[in-house]
C-alpha atoms as a PDB file:
ATOM      1  CA  MET A   1    -231.267 -79.458 -74.112  1.00  0.00           C
ATOM      2  CA  ASP A   2    -234.493 -79.038 -76.072  1.00  0.00           C
ATOM      3  CA  LEU A   3    -233.837 -75.887 -78.102  1.00  0.00           C
ATOM      4  CA  LYS A   4    -237.421 -75.852 -79.379  1.00  0.00           C
ATOM      5  CA  GLU A   5    -238.382 -74.656 -75.899  1.00  0.00           C
ATOM      6  CA  THR A   6    -236.246 -71.532 -76.452  1.00  0.00           C
ATOM      7  CA  ILE A   7    -237.284 -70.757 -80.057  1.00  0.00           C
ATOM      8  CA  THR A   8    -240.490 -68.793 -80.555  1.00  0.00           C
ATOM      9  CA  SER A   9    -242.717 -69.908 -83.431  1.00  0.00           C
ATOM     10  CA  ILE A  10    -244.706 -67.100 -85.018  1.00  0.00           C
ATOM     11  CA  PRO A  11    -247.498 -68.254 -87.331  1.00  0.00           C
ATOM     12  CA  ASN A  12    -248.331 -66.381 -90.534  1.00  0.00           C
ATOM     13  CA  TRP A  13    -245.222 -64.192 -90.519  1.00  0.00           C
ATOM     14  CA  PRO A  14    -243.876 -62.689 -92.706  1.00  0.00           C
ATOM     15  CA  LYS A  15    -246.811 -63.931 -94.769  1.00  0.00           C
ATOM     16  CA  GLU A  16    -249.826 -66.216 -94.487  1.00  0.00           C
ATOM     17  CA  GLY A  17    -248.964 -69.907 -94.192  1.00  0.00           C
ATOM     18  CA  ILE A  18    -245.382 -69.389 -92.973  1.00  0.00           C
ATOM     19  CA  ILE A  19    -244.279 -70.241 -89.437  1.00  0.00           C
ATOM     20  CA  PHE A  20    -241.325 -68.000 -88.584  1.00  0.00           C
ATOM     21  CA  ARG A  21    -238.783 -69.505 -86.169  1.00  0.00           C
ATOM     22  CA  ASP A  22    -237.574 -66.598 -84.041  1.00  0.00           C
ATOM     23  CA  ILE A  23    -234.159 -67.269 -82.488  1.00  0.00           C
ATOM     24  CA  THR A  24    -234.013 -64.009 -80.537  1.00  0.00           C
ATOM     25  CA  THR A  25    -235.605 -65.817 -77.600  1.00  0.00           C
ATOM     26  CA  LEU A  26    -232.878 -68.482 -77.843  1.00  0.00           C
ATOM     27  CA  LEU A  27    -230.233 -65.727 -77.833  1.00  0.00           C
ATOM     28  CA  ASN A  28    -231.858 -64.192 -74.736  1.00  0.00           C
ATOM     29  CA  ASN A  29    -231.421 -67.510 -72.926  1.00  0.00           C
ATOM     30  CA  GLY A  30    -227.768 -67.648 -71.855  1.00  0.00           C
ATOM     31  CA  GLU A  31    -227.826 -71.403 -71.269  1.00  0.00           C
ATOM     32  CA  ALA A  32    -229.323 -72.134 -74.701  1.00  0.00           C
ATOM     33  CA  PHE A  33    -226.949 -69.758 -76.496  1.00  0.00           C
ATOM     34  CA  LYS A  34    -223.950 -71.305 -74.726  1.00  0.00           C
ATOM     35  CA  TYR A  35    -225.232 -74.782 -75.626  1.00  0.00           C
ATOM     36  CA  CYS A  36    -225.293 -73.804 -79.318  1.00  0.00           C
ATOM     37  CA  ILE A  37    -221.781 -72.362 -79.184  1.00  0.00           C
ATOM     38  CA  ASP A  38    -220.475 -75.430 -77.344  1.00  0.00           C
ATOM     39  CA  LYS A  39    -222.049 -77.858 -79.845  1.00  0.00           C
ATOM     40  CA  PHE A  40    -220.832 -75.882 -82.853  1.00  0.00           C
ATOM     41  CA  SER A  41    -217.351 -75.742 -81.297  1.00  0.00           C
ATOM     42  CA  GLU A  42    -217.326 -79.519 -80.865  1.00  0.00           C
ATOM     43  CA  PHE A  43    -218.324 -79.941 -84.521  1.00  0.00           C
ATOM     44  CA  ALA A  44    -215.631 -77.459 -85.617  1.00  0.00           C
ATOM     45  CA  LYS A  45    -212.995 -79.538 -83.818  1.00  0.00           C
ATOM     46  CA  GLU A  46    -214.423 -82.777 -85.256  1.00  0.00           C
ATOM     47  CA  VAL A  47    -214.108 -81.505 -88.850  1.00  0.00           C
ATOM     48  CA  GLY A  48    -210.726 -79.881 -88.248  1.00  0.00           C
ATOM     49  CA  ALA A  49    -211.860 -76.329 -88.975  1.00  0.00           C
ATOM     50  CA  THR A  50    -209.106 -73.708 -89.031  1.00  0.00           C
ATOM     51  CA  VAL A  51    -211.423 -70.773 -89.824  1.00  0.00           C
ATOM     52  CA  ILE A  52    -215.075 -70.051 -89.021  1.00  0.00           C
ATOM     53  CA  ALA A  53    -217.298 -68.138 -91.460  1.00  0.00           C
ATOM     54  CA  GLY A  54    -220.859 -66.890 -91.147  1.00  0.00           C
ATOM     55  CA  PRO A  55    -223.298 -65.112 -93.429  1.00  0.00           C
ATOM     56  CA  GLU A  56    -224.862 -61.885 -92.266  1.00  0.00           C
ATOM     57  CA  ALA A  57    -226.668 -61.193 -90.167  1.00  0.00           C
ATOM     58  CA  ARG A  58    -227.625 -63.987 -87.794  1.00  0.00           C
ATOM     59  CA  GLY A  59    -224.787 -66.247 -88.924  1.00  0.00           C
ATOM     60  CA  PHE A  60    -222.394 -63.592 -87.577  1.00  0.00           C
ATOM     61  CA  ILE A  61    -223.727 -64.096 -84.062  1.00  0.00           C
ATOM     62  CA  PHE A  62    -222.997 -67.808 -83.847  1.00  0.00           C
ATOM     63  CA  ALA A  63    -219.923 -67.989 -86.093  1.00  0.00           C
ATOM     64  CA  ALA A  64    -218.045 -65.143 -84.393  1.00  0.00           C
ATOM     65  CA  ALA A  65    -218.737 -66.626 -80.942  1.00  0.00           C
ATOM     66  CA  VAL A  66    -217.432 -70.043 -82.025  1.00  0.00           C
ATOM     67  CA  ALA A  67    -214.346 -68.507 -83.611  1.00  0.00           C
ATOM     68  CA  ALA A  68    -213.599 -66.569 -80.417  1.00  0.00           C
ATOM     69  CA  LYS A  69    -214.140 -69.637 -78.217  1.00  0.00           C
ATOM     70  CA  LEU A  70    -211.736 -71.709 -80.329  1.00  0.00           C
ATOM     71  CA  GLY A  71    -209.197 -68.952 -80.962  1.00  0.00           C
ATOM     72  CA  LEU A  72    -209.790 -69.133 -84.716  1.00  0.00           C
ATOM     73  CA  GLY A  73    -210.283 -66.410 -87.290  1.00  0.00           C
ATOM     74  CA  PHE A  74    -213.767 -65.314 -88.332  1.00  0.00           C
ATOM     75  CA  VAL A  75    -214.659 -64.482 -91.945  1.00  0.00           C
ATOM     76  CA  PRO A  76    -217.828 -62.426 -92.411  1.00  0.00           C
ATOM     77  CA  ILE A  77    -219.839 -63.375 -95.488  1.00  0.00           C
ATOM     78  CA  ARG A  78    -221.496 -60.138 -96.564  1.00  0.00           C
ATOM     79  CA  LYS A  79    -224.142 -58.839 -98.902  1.00  0.00           C
ATOM     80  CA  PRO A  80    -223.081 -56.517-101.755  1.00  0.00           C
ATOM     81  CA  ASN A  81    -221.568 -53.080-101.078  1.00  0.00           C
ATOM     82  CA  LYS A  82    -220.506 -53.913 -97.518  1.00  0.00           C
ATOM     83  CA  LEU A  83    -216.824 -54.799 -97.974  1.00  0.00           C
ATOM     84  CA  PRO A  84    -214.221 -52.086 -98.674  1.00  0.00           C
ATOM     85  CA  ARG A  85    -211.485 -54.105-100.418  1.00  0.00           C
ATOM     86  CA  ALA A  86    -211.227 -56.451-103.394  1.00  0.00           C
ATOM     87  CA  GLN A  87    -213.687 -59.288-103.046  1.00  0.00           C
ATOM     88  CA  ILE A  88    -214.928 -62.602-104.385  1.00  0.00           C
ATOM     89  CA  THR A  89    -218.646 -62.784-105.125  1.00  0.00           C
ATOM     90  CA  GLU A  90    -221.216 -65.522-105.642  1.00  0.00           C
ATOM     91  CA  ASP A  91    -224.680 -64.950-107.104  1.00  0.00           C
ATOM     92  CA  TYR A  92    -227.490 -67.256-106.084  1.00  0.00           C
ATOM     93  CA  SER A  93    -231.215 -67.674-106.609  1.00  0.00           C
ATOM     94  CA  LEU A  94    -233.907 -67.049-104.059  1.00  0.00           C
ATOM     95  CA  GLU A  95    -237.534 -68.110-104.201  1.00  0.00           C
ATOM     96  CA  TYR A  96    -238.449 -64.723-105.725  1.00  0.00           C
ATOM     97  CA  GLY A  97    -235.301 -63.273-107.257  1.00  0.00           C
ATOM     98  CA  HIS A  98    -231.578 -63.451-106.630  1.00  0.00           C
ATOM     99  CA  ASN A  99    -228.870 -62.134-104.342  1.00  0.00           C
ATOM    100  CA  THR A 100    -225.102 -62.035-104.015  1.00  0.00           C
ATOM    101  CA  LEU A 101    -222.705 -62.942-101.219  1.00  0.00           C
ATOM    102  CA  CYS A 102    -219.170 -61.577-100.878  1.00  0.00           C
ATOM    103  CA  ILE A 103    -215.944 -62.150 -98.959  1.00  0.00           C
ATOM    104  CA  HIS A 104    -212.679 -60.250 -99.125  1.00  0.00           C
ATOM    105  CA  GLU A 105    -210.345 -61.682-101.741  1.00  0.00           C
ATOM    106  CA  ASP A 106    -207.646 -62.176 -99.108  1.00  0.00           C
ATOM    107  CA  ALA A 107    -209.945 -63.555 -96.377  1.00  0.00           C
ATOM    108  CA  LEU A 108    -208.884 -67.186 -96.838  1.00  0.00           C
ATOM    109  CA  LYS A 109    -205.754 -69.159 -97.615  1.00  0.00           C
ATOM    110  CA  LYS A 110    -205.632 -72.328 -99.697  1.00  0.00           C
ATOM    111  CA  THR A 111    -204.747 -74.298 -96.555  1.00  0.00           C
ATOM    112  CA  ASP A 112    -207.836 -73.136 -94.643  1.00  0.00           C
ATOM    113  CA  LYS A 113    -210.582 -75.579 -93.662  1.00  0.00           C
ATOM    114  CA  VAL A 114    -213.692 -73.474 -93.187  1.00  0.00           C
ATOM    115  CA  LEU A 115    -216.746 -74.222 -91.080  1.00  0.00           C
ATOM    116  CA  ILE A 116    -219.719 -72.118 -92.202  1.00  0.00           C
ATOM    117  CA  ILE A 117    -222.267 -71.457 -89.443  1.00  0.00           C
ATOM    118  CA  ASP A 118    -225.730 -69.942 -89.879  1.00  0.00           C
ATOM    119  CA  ASP A 119    -228.972 -69.855 -87.934  1.00  0.00           C
ATOM    120  CA  LEU A 120    -231.301 -71.541 -90.422  1.00  0.00           C
ATOM    121  CA  LEU A 121    -231.192 -74.102 -93.212  1.00  0.00           C
ATOM    122  CA  ALA A 122    -234.276 -73.641 -95.400  1.00  0.00           C
ATOM    123  CA  THR A 123    -233.860 -73.592 -99.189  1.00  0.00           C
ATOM    124  CA  GLY A 124    -230.075 -74.001 -99.105  1.00  0.00           C
ATOM    125  CA  GLY A 125    -229.387 -71.046-101.422  1.00  0.00           C
ATOM    126  CA  THR A 126    -227.331 -69.047 -98.955  1.00  0.00           C
ATOM    127  CA  SER A 127    -225.467 -72.144 -97.770  1.00  0.00           C
ATOM    128  CA  VAL A 128    -224.479 -73.292-101.251  1.00  0.00           C
ATOM    129  CA  ALA A 129    -223.430 -69.756-102.215  1.00  0.00           C
ATOM    130  CA  ALA A 130    -221.320 -69.454 -99.053  1.00  0.00           C
ATOM    131  CA  ALA A 131    -219.664 -72.815 -99.744  1.00  0.00           C
ATOM    132  CA  HIS A 132    -218.935 -71.770-103.334  1.00  0.00           C
ATOM    133  CA  LEU A 133    -217.306 -68.557-102.081  1.00  0.00           C
ATOM    134  CA  VAL A 134    -214.987 -70.568 -99.847  1.00  0.00           C
ATOM    135  CA  GLU A 135    -214.106 -72.852-102.752  1.00  0.00           C
ATOM    136  CA  LYS A 136    -213.568 -69.918-105.144  1.00  0.00           C
ATOM    137  CA  ALA A 137    -211.060 -68.579-102.611  1.00  0.00           C
ATOM    138  CA  GLY A 138    -209.219 -71.889-102.888  1.00  0.00           C
ATOM    139  CA  ALA A 139    -210.003 -73.041 -99.360  1.00  0.00           C
ATOM    140  CA  THR A 140    -211.841 -76.201 -98.290  1.00  0.00           C
ATOM    141  CA  VAL A 141    -215.334 -76.344 -96.786  1.00  0.00           C
ATOM    142  CA  ALA A 142    -214.900 -78.385 -93.603  1.00  0.00           C
ATOM    143  CA  GLY A 143    -218.636 -78.371 -92.944  1.00  0.00           C
ATOM    144  CA  LEU A 144    -221.863 -76.444 -92.579  1.00  0.00           C
ATOM    145  CA  ALA A 145    -223.633 -75.976 -89.240  1.00  0.00           C
ATOM    146  CA  PHE A 146    -227.068 -74.588 -88.433  1.00  0.00           C
ATOM    147  CA  VAL A 147    -229.182 -73.973 -85.371  1.00  0.00           C
ATOM    148  CA  ILE A 148    -232.413 -74.857 -87.219  1.00  0.00           C
ATOM    149  CA  ASP A 149    -233.022 -77.286 -90.077  1.00  0.00           C
ATOM    150  CA  LEU A 150    -236.388 -76.857 -91.813  1.00  0.00           C
ATOM    151  CA  ILE A 151    -236.258 -80.396 -93.112  1.00  0.00           C
ATOM    152  CA  ASN A 152    -236.321 -80.413 -96.902  1.00  0.00           C
ATOM    153  CA  GLN A 153    -234.992 -83.356 -98.890  1.00  0.00           C
ATOM    154  CA  ASN A 154    -234.166 -81.156-101.910  1.00  0.00           C
ATOM    155  CA  VAL A 155    -231.788 -79.169 -99.722  1.00  0.00           C
ATOM    156  CA  LYS A 156    -230.112 -82.350 -98.476  1.00  0.00           C
ATOM    157  CA  ALA A 157    -229.365 -83.223-102.117  1.00  0.00           C
ATOM    158  CA  LEU A 158    -227.869 -79.753-102.714  1.00  0.00           C
ATOM    159  CA  LEU A 159    -225.555 -80.129 -99.726  1.00  0.00           C
ATOM    160  CA  LYS A 160    -224.716 -83.838-100.062  1.00  0.00           C
ATOM    161  CA  ARG A 161    -221.015 -83.217-100.715  1.00  0.00           C
ATOM    162  CA  TYR A 162    -220.607 -81.345 -97.412  1.00  0.00           C
ATOM    163  CA  LYS A 163    -220.716 -82.438 -93.776  1.00  0.00           C
ATOM    164  CA  VAL A 164    -223.864 -80.864 -92.333  1.00  0.00           C
ATOM    165  CA  PHE A 165    -224.606 -80.448 -88.622  1.00  0.00           C
ATOM    166  CA  THR A 166    -227.869 -79.117 -87.176  1.00  0.00           C
ATOM    167  CA  LEU A 167    -229.105 -78.641 -83.632  1.00  0.00           C
ATOM    168  CA  VAL A 168    -232.886 -78.746 -84.046  1.00  0.00           C
ATOM    169  CA  GLU A 169    -235.265 -79.807 -86.814  1.00  0.00           C
ATOM    170  CA  TYR A 170    -238.755 -78.672 -87.750  1.00  0.00           C
ATOM    171  CA  GLU A 171    -240.756 -80.737 -90.220  1.00  0.00           C
ATOM    172  CA  GLY A 172    -244.040 -79.904 -91.901  1.00  0.00           C
ATOM    173  CA  GLU A 173    -245.075 -77.295 -89.394  1.00  0.00           C
END
């Protein structure tokens, strides 16, 4: 399946020179959404994942669906002030500032092999922070999976110690 046919490209949004890849049209296409969940599920089995995690907000959509399909637990990776119990945090840099990701302190066990699923791999900041959270919890990162890879060699270097799986790539557009 050519997922590019189901993803809407919006030029100059949110600012001039950026092409925004809108996955809401992919989500509206039942066949394309199922394809993504099926492919991510196959990758989860391949890497031996025992838990699926996803950063908010769009990562929740794919990760929770994969977890449900495979009968595995889902760990939400949240932004600050969203979790009610003790938590582990990871600060990370963005292009213009910084942010923090959080998981509950008791969300993972040391024996867990976690597949992190998100919609987009761009700068790698969120992905690296999510992987560090899993490792801080004492669990193992089984892999990282994304719908879209905005091909960037610097990001590949950041993630070289992890198994990375993507469904569609966009380069220099």
